[in-house]
PDB file of N, CA and C in Angstrom:
ATOM      1  N   MET A   1       0.867  -1.260  -0.098  1.00  0.00           N
ATOM      2  CA  MET A   1      -0.073  -0.192   0.023  1.00  0.00           C
ATOM      3  C   MET A   1       1.235   1.139   0.006  1.00  0.00           C
ATOM      4  N   ARG A   2       0.296   2.259  -0.722  1.00  0.00           N
ATOM      5  CA  ARG A   2       1.080   3.553  -0.839  1.00  0.00           C
ATOM      6  C   ARG A   2       0.125   4.361  -0.239  1.00  0.00           C
ATOM      7  N   GLY A   3       0.871   5.904  -0.204  1.00  0.00           N
ATOM      8  CA  GLY A   3      -0.010   7.220   0.070  1.00  0.00           C
ATOM      9  C   GLY A   3      -0.401   7.107   1.417  1.00  0.00           C
ATOM     10  N   LEU A   4      -1.531   8.013   1.692  1.00  0.00           N
ATOM     11  CA  LEU A   4      -1.868   8.000   3.246  1.00  0.00           C
ATOM     12  C   LEU A   4      -2.322   6.741   3.578  1.00  0.00           C
ATOM     13  N   ILE A   5      -2.820   5.938   2.420  1.00  0.00           N
ATOM     14  CA  ILE A   5      -3.823   4.523   3.250  1.00  0.00           C
ATOM     15  C   ILE A   5      -2.964   3.713   3.661  1.00  0.00           C
ATOM     16  N   GLY A   6      -0.925   3.483   2.852  1.00  0.00           N
ATOM     17  CA  GLY A   6      -0.172   3.092   3.362  1.00  0.00           C
ATOM     18  C   GLY A   6       0.743   3.516   4.823  1.00  0.00           C
ATOM     19  N   GLU A   7       0.522   4.613   4.916  1.00  0.00           N
ATOM     20  CA  GLU A   7       0.917   5.370   6.162  1.00  0.00           C
ATOM     21  C   GLU A   7       0.296   4.917   7.522  1.00  0.00           C
ATOM     22  N   LEU A   8      -1.130   5.489   7.438  1.00  0.00           N
ATOM     23  CA  LEU A   8      -2.018   4.916   8.144  1.00  0.00           C
ATOM     24  C   LEU A   8      -1.935   3.035   8.769  1.00  0.00           C
ATOM     25  N   ALA A   9      -1.826   2.695   7.311  1.00  0.00           N
ATOM     26  CA  ALA A   9      -2.023   1.445   7.425  1.00  0.00           C
ATOM     27  C   ALA A   9      -0.405   0.809   8.494  1.00  0.00           C
ATOM     28  N   ASP A  10       0.576   1.248   8.434  1.00  0.00           N
ATOM     29  CA  ASP A  10       1.977   1.090   9.165  1.00  0.00           C
ATOM     30  C   ASP A  10       1.660   1.658  10.505  1.00  0.00           C
ATOM     31  N   VAL A  11       0.691   2.918  10.358  1.00  0.00           N
ATOM     32  CA  VAL A  11       0.392   3.542  11.993  1.00  0.00           C
ATOM     33  C   VAL A  11      -0.118   2.068  12.686  1.00  0.00           C
ATOM     34  N   ALA A  12      -1.441   1.816  12.177  1.00  0.00           N
ATOM     35  CA  ALA A  12      -1.869   0.952  13.034  1.00  0.00           C
ATOM     36  C   ALA A  12      -1.434  -0.456  13.184  1.00  0.00           C
ATOM     37  N   ALA A  13      -0.546  -0.817  12.153  1.00  0.00           N
ATOM     38  CA  ALA A  13      -0.019  -2.040  12.665  1.00  0.00           C
ATOM     39  C   ALA A  13       1.323  -1.950  13.201  1.00  0.00           C
ATOM     40  N   ALA A  14       1.702  -0.997  13.887  1.00  0.00           N
ATOM     41  CA  ALA A  14       2.952  -0.870  14.955  1.00  0.00           C
ATOM     42  C   ALA A  14       2.018  -0.586  16.558  1.00  0.00           C
ATOM     43  N   VAL A  15       0.961  -0.412  16.832  1.00  0.00           N
ATOM     44  CA  VAL A  15       0.294  -0.548  17.871  1.00  0.00           C
ATOM     45  C   VAL A  15       0.739  -1.888  18.687  1.00  0.00           C
ATOM     46  N   PRO A  16       0.826  -1.490  19.547  1.00  0.00           N
ATOM     47  CA  PRO A  16       0.949  -2.953  20.488  1.00  0.00           C
ATOM     48  C   PRO A  16      -0.186  -3.396  20.438  1.00  0.00           C
ATOM     49  N   GLY A  17      -0.382  -5.042  20.698  1.00  0.00           N
ATOM     50  CA  GLY A  17      -1.336  -5.851  20.393  1.00  0.00           C
ATOM     51  C   GLY A  17      -1.763  -5.729  18.815  1.00  0.00           C
ATOM     52  N   VAL A  18      -1.800  -5.191  18.203  1.00  0.00           N
ATOM     53  CA  VAL A  18      -1.946  -5.389  16.512  1.00  0.00           C
ATOM     54  C   VAL A  18      -1.459  -6.667  16.009  1.00  0.00           C
ATOM     55  N   SER A  19      -1.962  -7.804  15.959  1.00  0.00           N
ATOM     56  CA  SER A  19      -1.561  -8.855  15.089  1.00  0.00           C
ATOM     57  C   SER A  19      -1.089  -9.030  13.731  1.00  0.00           C
ATOM     58  N   ARG A  20      -2.434  -8.244  13.122  1.00  0.00           N
ATOM     59  CA  ARG A  20      -2.469  -7.920  11.542  1.00  0.00           C
ATOM     60  C   ARG A  20      -3.614  -7.094  11.468  1.00  0.00           C
ATOM     61  N   LEU A  21      -3.526  -6.535  10.052  1.00  0.00           N
ATOM     62  CA  LEU A  21      -4.790  -6.191   9.722  1.00  0.00           C
ATOM     63  C   LEU A  21      -5.426  -6.921   8.781  1.00  0.00           C
ATOM     64  N   THR A  22      -6.795  -7.125   8.953  1.00  0.00           N
ATOM     65  CA  THR A  22      -7.612  -8.062   8.205  1.00  0.00           C
ATOM     66  C   THR A  22      -8.459  -7.083   6.807  1.00  0.00           C
ATOM     67  N   ALA A  23      -8.727  -7.752   6.301  1.00  0.00           N
ATOM     68  CA  ALA A  23      -9.919  -7.370   5.302  1.00  0.00           C
ATOM     69  C   ALA A  23     -11.336  -8.399   5.368  1.00  0.00           C
ATOM     70  N   VAL A  24     -11.910  -7.821   6.478  1.00  0.00           N
ATOM     71  CA  VAL A  24     -13.206  -8.933   6.401  1.00  0.00           C
ATOM     72  C   VAL A  24     -14.225  -8.174   5.998  1.00  0.00           C
ATOM     73  N   LEU A  25     -14.491  -7.205   6.082  1.00  0.00           N
ATOM     74  CA  LEU A  25     -15.590  -6.281   5.255  1.00  0.00           C
ATOM     75  C   LEU A  25     -14.735  -5.810   3.859  1.00  0.00           C
ATOM     76  N   GLY A  26     -14.283  -6.506   3.175  1.00  0.00           N
ATOM     77  CA  GLY A  26     -14.020  -5.593   1.878  1.00  0.00           C
ATOM     78  C   GLY A  26     -12.355  -5.833   1.473  1.00  0.00           C
ATOM     79  N   SER A  27     -11.939  -5.061   0.408  1.00  0.00           N
ATOM     80  CA  SER A  27     -10.623  -5.406   0.040  1.00  0.00           C
ATOM     81  C   SER A  27      -9.257  -4.865   0.711  1.00  0.00           C
ATOM     82  N   ARG A  28      -9.696  -4.197   1.606  1.00  0.00           N
ATOM     83  CA  ARG A  28      -8.341  -3.157   2.044  1.00  0.00           C
ATOM     84  C   ARG A  28      -8.766  -3.267   3.735  1.00  0.00           C
ATOM     85  N   PRO A  29      -7.995  -3.406   4.344  1.00  0.00           N
ATOM     86  CA  PRO A  29      -7.826  -3.048   5.689  1.00  0.00           C
ATOM     87  C   PRO A  29      -7.898  -1.863   6.354  1.00  0.00           C
ATOM     88  N   VAL A  30      -7.506  -0.886   5.750  1.00  0.00           N
ATOM     89  CA  VAL A  30      -7.947   0.587   5.945  1.00  0.00           C
ATOM     90  C   VAL A  30      -8.629   1.126   4.816  1.00  0.00           C
ATOM     91  N   LYS A  31      -9.443   1.701   4.814  1.00  0.00           N
ATOM     92  CA  LYS A  31      -9.871   2.887   4.560  1.00  0.00           C
ATOM     93  C   LYS A  31     -10.627   3.934   4.811  1.00  0.00           C
ATOM     94  N   VAL A  32     -10.129   4.923   3.503  1.00  0.00           N
ATOM     95  CA  VAL A  32     -10.249   6.548   3.688  1.00  0.00           C
ATOM     96  C   VAL A  32     -11.207   7.186   3.120  1.00  0.00           C
ATOM     97  N   GLU A  33     -12.215   7.815   3.583  1.00  0.00           N
ATOM     98  CA  GLU A  33     -13.734   8.660   2.807  1.00  0.00           C
ATOM     99  C   GLU A  33     -13.078  10.248   2.945  1.00  0.00           C
ATOM    100  N   ARG A  34     -12.743  10.982   1.856  1.00  0.00           N
ATOM    101  CA  ARG A  34     -12.701  12.030   2.571  1.00  0.00           C
ATOM    102  C   ARG A  34     -14.090  12.995   1.956  1.00  0.00           C
ATOM    103  N   HIS A  35     -13.992  13.740   2.704  1.00  0.00           N
ATOM    104  CA  HIS A  35     -15.495  15.131   3.055  1.00  0.00           C
ATOM    105  C   HIS A  35     -15.169  16.212   2.709  1.00  0.00           C
ATOM    106  N   ASP A  36     -16.124  16.885   1.941  1.00  0.00           N
ATOM    107  CA  ASP A  36     -15.854  18.277   1.379  1.00  0.00           C
ATOM    108  C   ASP A  36     -16.545  19.255   2.626  1.00  0.00           C
ATOM    109  N   HIS A  37     -17.686  18.657   2.546  1.00  0.00           N
ATOM    110  CA  HIS A  37     -18.891  19.482   3.520  1.00  0.00           C
ATOM    111  C   HIS A  37     -19.260  18.969   4.687  1.00  0.00           C
ATOM    112  N   PRO A  38     -18.635  19.038   5.705  1.00  0.00           N
ATOM    113  CA  PRO A  38     -18.046  19.680   6.429  1.00  0.00           C
ATOM    114  C   PRO A  38     -16.481  18.722   5.537  1.00  0.00           C
ATOM    115  N   PRO A  39     -15.388  20.012   5.585  1.00  0.00           N
ATOM    116  CA  PRO A  39     -14.321  18.980   5.533  1.00  0.00           C
ATOM    117  C   PRO A  39     -14.353  18.074   6.084  1.00  0.00           C
ATOM    118  N   GLY A  40     -13.330  16.925   5.874  1.00  0.00           N
ATOM    119  CA  GLY A  40     -12.395  15.974   6.851  1.00  0.00           C
ATOM    120  C   GLY A  40     -12.499  15.064   6.527  1.00  0.00           C
ATOM    121  N   ARG A  41     -12.286  13.935   7.345  1.00  0.00           N
ATOM    122  CA  ARG A  41     -12.074  12.504   6.570  1.00  0.00           C
ATOM    123  C   ARG A  41     -12.808  11.382   7.445  1.00  0.00           C
ATOM    124  N   HIS A  42     -13.140  10.130   7.467  1.00  0.00           N
ATOM    125  CA  HIS A  42     -12.977   9.325   7.968  1.00  0.00           C
ATOM    126  C   HIS A  42     -12.156   8.239   7.668  1.00  0.00           C
ATOM    127  N   ILE A  43     -12.129   7.342   8.456  1.00  0.00           N
ATOM    128  CA  ILE A  43     -11.012   6.359   8.484  1.00  0.00           C
ATOM    129  C   ILE A  43     -11.570   5.054   9.076  1.00  0.00           C
ATOM    130  N   GLU A  44     -11.478   3.826   8.631  1.00  0.00           N
ATOM    131  CA  GLU A  44     -11.910   3.030   8.951  1.00  0.00           C
ATOM    132  C   GLU A  44     -10.592   1.798   9.043  1.00  0.00           C
ATOM    133  N   VAL A  45     -10.675   0.894   9.875  1.00  0.00           N
ATOM    134  CA  VAL A  45      -9.308  -0.118  10.254  1.00  0.00           C
ATOM    135  C   VAL A  45      -9.910  -1.316  10.578  1.00  0.00           C
ATOM    136  N   GLN A  46      -9.896  -2.502   9.892  1.00  0.00           N
ATOM    137  CA  GLN A  46     -10.315  -3.935  10.426  1.00  0.00           C
ATOM    138  C   GLN A  46      -8.842  -4.678  11.193  1.00  0.00           C
ATOM    139  N   LEU A  47      -8.434  -5.066  11.803  1.00  0.00           N
ATOM    140  CA  LEU A  47      -7.818  -5.485  12.724  1.00  0.00           C
ATOM    141  C   LEU A  47      -7.673  -6.870  13.289  1.00  0.00           C
ATOM    142  N   ALA A  48      -6.825  -7.497  13.724  1.00  0.00           N
ATOM    143  CA  ALA A  48      -6.712  -8.883  14.751  1.00  0.00           C
ATOM    144  C   ALA A  48      -5.880  -8.109  15.828  1.00  0.00           C
ATOM    145  N   VAL A  49      -6.735  -8.773  16.779  1.00  0.00           N
ATOM    146  CA  VAL A  49      -5.845  -8.513  18.470  1.00  0.00           C
ATOM    147  C   VAL A  49      -4.833  -9.913  18.724  1.00  0.00           C
ATOM    148  N   ALA A  50      -3.908  -9.250  19.016  1.00  0.00           N
ATOM    149  CA  ALA A  50      -2.864 -10.865  19.388  1.00  0.00           C
ATOM    150  C   ALA A  50      -3.271 -10.811  20.929  1.00  0.00           C
ATOM    151  N   PRO A  51      -2.500 -11.929  21.347  1.00  0.00           N
ATOM    152  CA  PRO A  51      -2.920 -12.881  22.457  1.00  0.00           C
ATOM    153  C   PRO A  51      -2.264 -11.819  23.660  1.00  0.00           C
ATOM    154  N   GLY A  52      -3.339 -12.043  24.686  1.00  0.00           N
ATOM    155  CA  GLY A  52      -2.544 -11.506  25.731  1.00  0.00           C
ATOM    156  C   GLY A  52      -2.888  -9.923  26.070  1.00  0.00           C
ATOM    157  N   TYR A  53      -3.510  -9.374  24.911  1.00  0.00           N
ATOM    158  CA  TYR A  53      -4.614  -8.250  25.096  1.00  0.00           C
ATOM    159  C   TYR A  53      -5.828  -7.918  24.981  1.00  0.00           C
ATOM    160  N   HIS A  54      -6.283  -6.400  25.559  1.00  0.00           N
ATOM    161  CA  HIS A  54      -7.483  -6.363  25.502  1.00  0.00           C
ATOM    162  C   HIS A  54      -7.834  -5.812  24.367  1.00  0.00           C
ATOM    163  N   PRO A  55      -8.437  -6.252  24.297  1.00  0.00           N
ATOM    164  CA  PRO A  55      -9.422  -5.644  22.470  1.00  0.00           C
ATOM    165  C   PRO A  55      -9.741  -3.992  22.484  1.00  0.00           C
ATOM    166  N   MET A  56     -10.148  -3.870  23.758  1.00  0.00           N
ATOM    167  CA  MET A  56     -10.920  -2.635  23.694  1.00  0.00           C
ATOM    168  C   MET A  56      -9.638  -0.983  23.993  1.00  0.00           C
ATOM    169  N   GLU A  57      -8.501  -1.917  24.510  1.00  0.00           N
ATOM    170  CA  GLU A  57      -7.680  -1.179  24.939  1.00  0.00           C
ATOM    171  C   GLU A  57      -6.881  -0.528  23.738  1.00  0.00           C
ATOM    172  N   VAL A  58      -6.658  -2.293  22.798  1.00  0.00           N
ATOM    173  CA  VAL A  58      -5.858  -2.111  21.644  1.00  0.00           C
ATOM    174  C   VAL A  58      -6.455  -0.776  20.643  1.00  0.00           C
ATOM    175  N   ALA A  59      -8.100  -1.335  20.291  1.00  0.00           N
ATOM    176  CA  ALA A  59      -9.242  -0.065  19.663  1.00  0.00           C
ATOM    177  C   ALA A  59      -8.529   1.267  20.114  1.00  0.00           C
ATOM    178  N   ARG A  60      -8.103   1.400  21.461  1.00  0.00           N
ATOM    179  CA  ARG A  60      -9.089   3.266  21.552  1.00  0.00           C
ATOM    180  C   ARG A  60      -6.827   3.135  21.231  1.00  0.00           C
ATOM    181  N   ALA A  61      -6.035   2.534  21.334  1.00  0.00           N
ATOM    182  CA  ALA A  61      -4.939   2.799  21.321  1.00  0.00           C
ATOM    183  C   ALA A  61      -4.675   3.058  19.245  1.00  0.00           C
ATOM    184  N   VAL A  62      -5.415   2.327  18.794  1.00  0.00           N
ATOM    185  CA  VAL A  62      -5.126   2.423  17.457  1.00  0.00           C
ATOM    186  C   VAL A  62      -5.827   3.361  17.069  1.00  0.00           C
ATOM    187  N   ARG A  63      -6.771   3.570  17.165  1.00  0.00           N
ATOM    188  CA  ARG A  63      -7.792   4.740  16.640  1.00  0.00           C
ATOM    189  C   ARG A  63      -7.374   6.351  17.233  1.00  0.00           C
ATOM    190  N   ALA A  64      -6.544   6.394  18.333  1.00  0.00           N
ATOM    191  CA  ALA A  64      -5.626   7.826  18.680  1.00  0.00           C
ATOM    192  C   ALA A  64      -4.492   7.594  17.704  1.00  0.00           C
ATOM    193  N   ALA A  65      -3.985   6.676  17.404  1.00  0.00           N
ATOM    194  CA  ALA A  65      -2.643   6.957  16.568  1.00  0.00           C
ATOM    195  C   ALA A  65      -3.080   6.968  15.380  1.00  0.00           C
ATOM    196  N   VAL A  66      -4.237   6.156  14.707  1.00  0.00           N
ATOM    197  CA  VAL A  66      -4.417   6.470  13.584  1.00  0.00           C
ATOM    198  C   VAL A  66      -4.886   8.026  13.253  1.00  0.00           C
ATOM    199  N   ALA A  67      -5.759   8.450  14.403  1.00  0.00           N
ATOM    200  CA  ALA A  67      -6.253   9.837  14.081  1.00  0.00           C
ATOM    201  C   ALA A  67      -5.286  10.656  13.928  1.00  0.00           C
ATOM    202  N   ASP A  68      -4.416  10.874  14.880  1.00  0.00           N
ATOM    203  CA  ASP A  68      -3.086  11.454  15.247  1.00  0.00           C
ATOM    204  C   ASP A  68      -2.406  12.096  13.777  1.00  0.00           C
ATOM    205  N   ALA A  69      -1.874  10.662  13.072  1.00  0.00           N
ATOM    206  CA  ALA A  69      -1.078  10.757  11.535  1.00  0.00           C
ATOM    207  C   ALA A  69      -2.206  11.428  11.011  1.00  0.00           C
ATOM    208  N   ALA A  70      -3.604  10.826  11.125  1.00  0.00           N
ATOM    209  CA  ALA A  70      -4.253  11.373   9.880  1.00  0.00           C
ATOM    210  C   ALA A  70      -4.530  13.025   9.839  1.00  0.00           C
ATOM    211  N   THR A  71      -4.448  13.774  10.982  1.00  0.00           N
ATOM    212  CA  THR A  71      -4.315  15.086  10.653  1.00  0.00           C
ATOM    213  C   THR A  71      -3.331  15.999  10.237  1.00  0.00           C
ATOM    214  N   SER A  72      -2.580  15.176  10.095  1.00  0.00           N
ATOM    215  CA  SER A  72      -1.377  15.854   9.794  1.00  0.00           C
ATOM    216  C   SER A  72      -1.248  16.669   8.610  1.00  0.00           C
ATOM    217  N   ASP A  73      -2.360  16.334   7.300  1.00  0.00           N
ATOM    218  CA  ASP A  73      -2.291  17.333   6.505  1.00  0.00           C
ATOM    219  C   ASP A  73      -3.828  17.354   5.734  1.00  0.00           C
ATOM    220  N   THR A  74      -4.962  17.710   6.890  1.00  0.00           N
ATOM    221  CA  THR A  74      -6.253  18.213   6.726  1.00  0.00           C
ATOM    222  C   THR A  74      -6.521  19.467   7.475  1.00  0.00           C
ATOM    223  N   SER A  75      -6.885  20.031   7.229  1.00  0.00           N
ATOM    224  CA  SER A  75      -7.624  21.263   8.647  1.00  0.00           C
ATOM    225  C   SER A  75      -8.811  20.875   8.866  1.00  0.00           C
ATOM    226  N   GLY A  76      -9.657  19.815   8.711  1.00  0.00           N
ATOM    227  CA  GLY A  76     -11.525  19.337   8.525  1.00  0.00           C
ATOM    228  C   GLY A  76     -10.954  18.316   9.775  1.00  0.00           C
ATOM    229  N   ARG A  77     -11.821  17.771  10.576  1.00  0.00           N
ATOM    230  CA  ARG A  77     -12.818  17.020  11.793  1.00  0.00           C
ATOM    231  C   ARG A  77     -12.151  15.394  10.861  1.00  0.00           C
ATOM    232  N   VAL A  78     -11.459  14.608  11.640  1.00  0.00           N
ATOM    233  CA  VAL A  78     -10.587  13.284  11.777  1.00  0.00           C
ATOM    234  C   VAL A  78     -11.741  12.484  12.381  1.00  0.00           C
ATOM    235  N   THR A  79     -12.580  11.657  11.957  1.00  0.00           N
ATOM    236  CA  THR A  79     -12.993  10.407  12.921  1.00  0.00           C
ATOM    237  C   THR A  79     -12.061   8.734  12.475  1.00  0.00           C
ATOM    238  N   VAL A  80     -12.189   8.016  13.578  1.00  0.00           N
ATOM    239  CA  VAL A  80     -11.155   6.725  13.175  1.00  0.00           C
ATOM    240  C   VAL A  80     -12.834   5.599  13.674  1.00  0.00           C
ATOM    241  N   ALA A  81     -12.837   4.508  12.971  1.00  0.00           N
ATOM    242  CA  ALA A  81     -13.589   3.325  13.347  1.00  0.00           C
ATOM    243  C   ALA A  81     -12.503   2.218  12.983  1.00  0.00           C
ATOM    244  N   VAL A  82     -12.976   1.090  14.677  1.00  0.00           N
ATOM    245  CA  VAL A  82     -11.867  -0.035  14.697  1.00  0.00           C
ATOM    246  C   VAL A  82     -12.393  -0.778  14.007  1.00  0.00           C
ATOM    247  N   LEU A  83     -12.514  -1.865  13.453  1.00  0.00           N
ATOM    248  CA  LEU A  83     -13.125  -3.037  13.695  1.00  0.00           C
ATOM    249  C   LEU A  83     -11.937  -4.373  14.313  1.00  0.00           C
ATOM    250  N   ILE A  84     -12.328  -4.901  14.853  1.00  0.00           N
ATOM    251  CA  ILE A  84     -12.324  -5.728  15.468  1.00  0.00           C
ATOM    252  C   ILE A  84     -12.829  -7.185  15.024  1.00  0.00           C
ATOM    253  N   ALA A  85     -12.213  -7.933  14.263  1.00  0.00           N
ATOM    254  CA  ALA A  85     -12.378  -8.980  13.268  1.00  0.00           C
ATOM    255  C   ALA A  85     -11.790 -10.387  13.884  1.00  0.00           C
ATOM    256  N   GLU A  86     -10.979 -10.039  15.223  1.00  0.00           N
ATOM    257  CA  GLU A  86     -10.247 -11.636  15.256  1.00  0.00           C
ATOM    258  C   GLU A  86      -9.900 -11.060  16.793  1.00  0.00           C
ATOM    259  N   THR A  87      -9.921 -11.887  17.643  1.00  0.00           N
ATOM    260  CA  THR A  87      -9.581 -11.954  19.121  1.00  0.00           C
ATOM    261  C   THR A  87      -8.671 -13.305  19.651  1.00  0.00           C
ATOM    262  N   ALA A  88      -7.814 -13.185  20.263  1.00  0.00           N
ATOM    263  CA  ALA A  88      -6.944 -14.500  21.220  1.00  0.00           C
ATOM    264  C   ALA A  88      -7.561 -14.220  22.736  1.00  0.00           C
ATOM    265  N   ALA A  89      -8.137 -15.319  23.152  1.00  0.00           N
ATOM    266  CA  ALA A  89      -8.265 -15.203  24.808  1.00  0.00           C
ATOM    267  C   ALA A  89      -7.392 -14.386  25.519  1.00  0.00           C
ATOM    268  N   TYR A  90      -7.224 -13.529  26.389  1.00  0.00           N
ATOM    269  CA  TYR A  90      -6.434 -12.989  27.285  1.00  0.00           C
ATOM    270  C   TYR A  90      -6.537 -13.120  28.485  1.00  0.00           C
TER     271      TYR A  90
END
């Protein structure tokens, strides 16, 4: 993956507790929708949580990291949704 989507995928994958990115609901694990009115973007990340990590904590960390990375080149609002497609017992 290249460009913004690739960068955001790298950010999400680097969060502790993410075992891998998945594509359960489509062809890409990271989707970016740009909006003009009002300006901003919505990002969806699909992932699997590694054993030993609490899914909600991982989702919150991914959401924060991706939102922070995605605001660097936009003046509008950025929202992030995290879909946990797979978990292991913790």
